[in-house]
Amino acid sequence: MGKNKIVEVTWLDTYHVSSNGCTRKDVTKLRPATCFSYAKLIEETDDHITIASNIIEDDGDSDVEQPEYREVTCIPRAVIKSIRELR
């Protein structure tokens, strides 16, 4: 998939319970959280992908290197369930 495509990424994240009172039964019900991210694909490697939800383009008046990426997420390939290009 080419860079700078808008994608939907379905991936698994850890699920953390900060509680002192989990029983074994409670713990055995825990599952990773399924996440859905919608963003521009910035980098794709064999190891991971990097996406950005907000991108600031050069307006001609800025001394900041452009584009500037915000809301950047780097997701390991091992937890990605699917990547779908949006049109």
Protein backbone atom coordinates (compact mmCIF):
# COMPACT_ATOMS: atom_id res chain seq x y z
CA MET A 1 0.00 0.00 0.00
CA GLY A 2 1.44 3.38 -0.95
CA LYS A 3 2.33 6.13 1.47
CA ASN A 4 -0.06 9.01 2.15
CA LYS A 5 -3.20 6.95 1.64
CA ILE A 6 -6.09 7.42 4.04
CA VAL A 7 -6.53 4.11 5.85
CA GLU A 8 -8.65 2.33 8.41
CA VAL A 9 -6.45 0.20 10.67
CA THR A 10 -7.98 -2.46 12.90
CA TRP A 11 -5.56 -3.50 15.61
CA LEU A 12 -5.33 -4.99 19.08
CA ASP A 13 -4.20 -3.04 22.13
CA THR A 14 -3.52 -4.09 25.68
CA TYR A 15 -6.32 -3.98 28.24
CA HIS A 16 -5.30 -2.87 31.71
CA VAL A 17 -7.33 -3.14 34.89
CA SER A 18 -6.11 -1.04 37.78
CA SER A 19 -7.99 -2.69 40.56
CA ASN A 20 -7.07 -4.49 43.73
CA GLY A 21 -10.05 -6.84 43.62
CA CYS A 22 -9.78 -9.00 40.48
CA THR A 23 -10.64 -12.63 40.95
CA ARG A 24 -9.23 -15.40 38.73
CA LYS A 25 -12.66 -15.56 37.06
CA ASP A 26 -12.49 -11.80 36.32
CA VAL A 27 -8.97 -12.13 34.94
CA THR A 28 -9.83 -15.02 32.61
CA LYS A 29 -12.54 -12.85 30.98
CA LEU A 30 -10.05 -10.13 29.96
CA ARG A 31 -9.25 -9.77 26.25
CA PRO A 32 -7.16 -7.32 24.24
CA ALA A 33 -9.09 -4.23 23.11
CA THR A 34 -9.93 -3.96 19.41
CA CYS A 35 -9.05 -0.49 18.13
CA PHE A 36 -10.01 1.28 14.91
CA SER A 37 -7.81 4.13 13.66
CA TYR A 38 -8.54 6.36 10.68
CA ALA A 39 -5.59 8.39 9.42
CA LYS A 40 -3.06 9.07 6.70
CA LEU A 41 -0.44 6.36 6.21
CA ILE A 42 2.97 7.99 6.71
CA GLU A 43 5.34 5.01 6.83
CA GLU A 44 4.99 1.30 6.22
CA THR A 45 7.73 -1.25 6.98
CA ASP A 46 7.87 -5.00 7.54
CA ASP A 47 7.93 -4.25 11.28
CA HIS A 48 5.31 -1.50 11.77
CA ILE A 49 3.16 1.21 10.24
CA THR A 50 2.99 4.87 11.21
CA ILE A 51 -0.15 6.95 10.74
CA ALA A 52 -1.05 10.58 11.45
CA SER A 53 -4.54 11.97 12.02
CA ASN A 54 -3.56 15.62 11.57
CA ILE A 55 -1.10 17.03 9.06
CA ILE A 56 -0.10 20.68 8.89
CA GLU A 57 1.06 21.70 5.41
CA ASP A 58 3.47 24.56 4.67
CA ASP A 59 1.63 27.87 4.52
CA GLY A 60 4.70 29.72 3.28
CA ASP A 61 5.09 31.76 6.48
CA SER A 62 6.47 29.08 8.78
CA ASP A 63 10.07 28.36 9.77
CA VAL A 64 8.99 24.89 10.92
CA GLU A 65 9.89 21.92 8.73
CA GLN A 66 6.77 20.90 6.82
CA PRO A 67 4.64 18.94 6.80
CA GLU A 68 4.15 18.71 10.55
CA TYR A 69 2.43 15.52 11.77
CA ARG A 70 0.17 15.44 14.82
CA GLU A 71 -1.74 12.63 16.53
CA VAL A 72 0.90 10.18 15.29
CA THR A 73 0.53 6.47 16.05
CA CYS A 74 3.15 3.78 15.38
CA ILE A 75 1.52 0.34 15.34
CA PRO A 76 3.54 -2.92 15.40
CA ARG A 77 2.58 -5.31 12.57
CA ALA A 78 2.13 -8.12 15.08
CA VAL A 79 -1.05 -6.49 16.48
CA ILE A 80 -2.60 -5.34 13.18
CA LYS A 81 -5.68 -7.30 12.13
CA SER A 82 -6.33 -5.36 8.91
CA ILE A 83 -5.45 -2.25 6.91
CA ARG A 84 -8.01 -0.95 4.45
CA GLU A 85 -7.53 1.99 2.12
CA LEU A 86 -10.39 4.49 2.24
CA ARG A 87 -11.48 6.32 -0.88
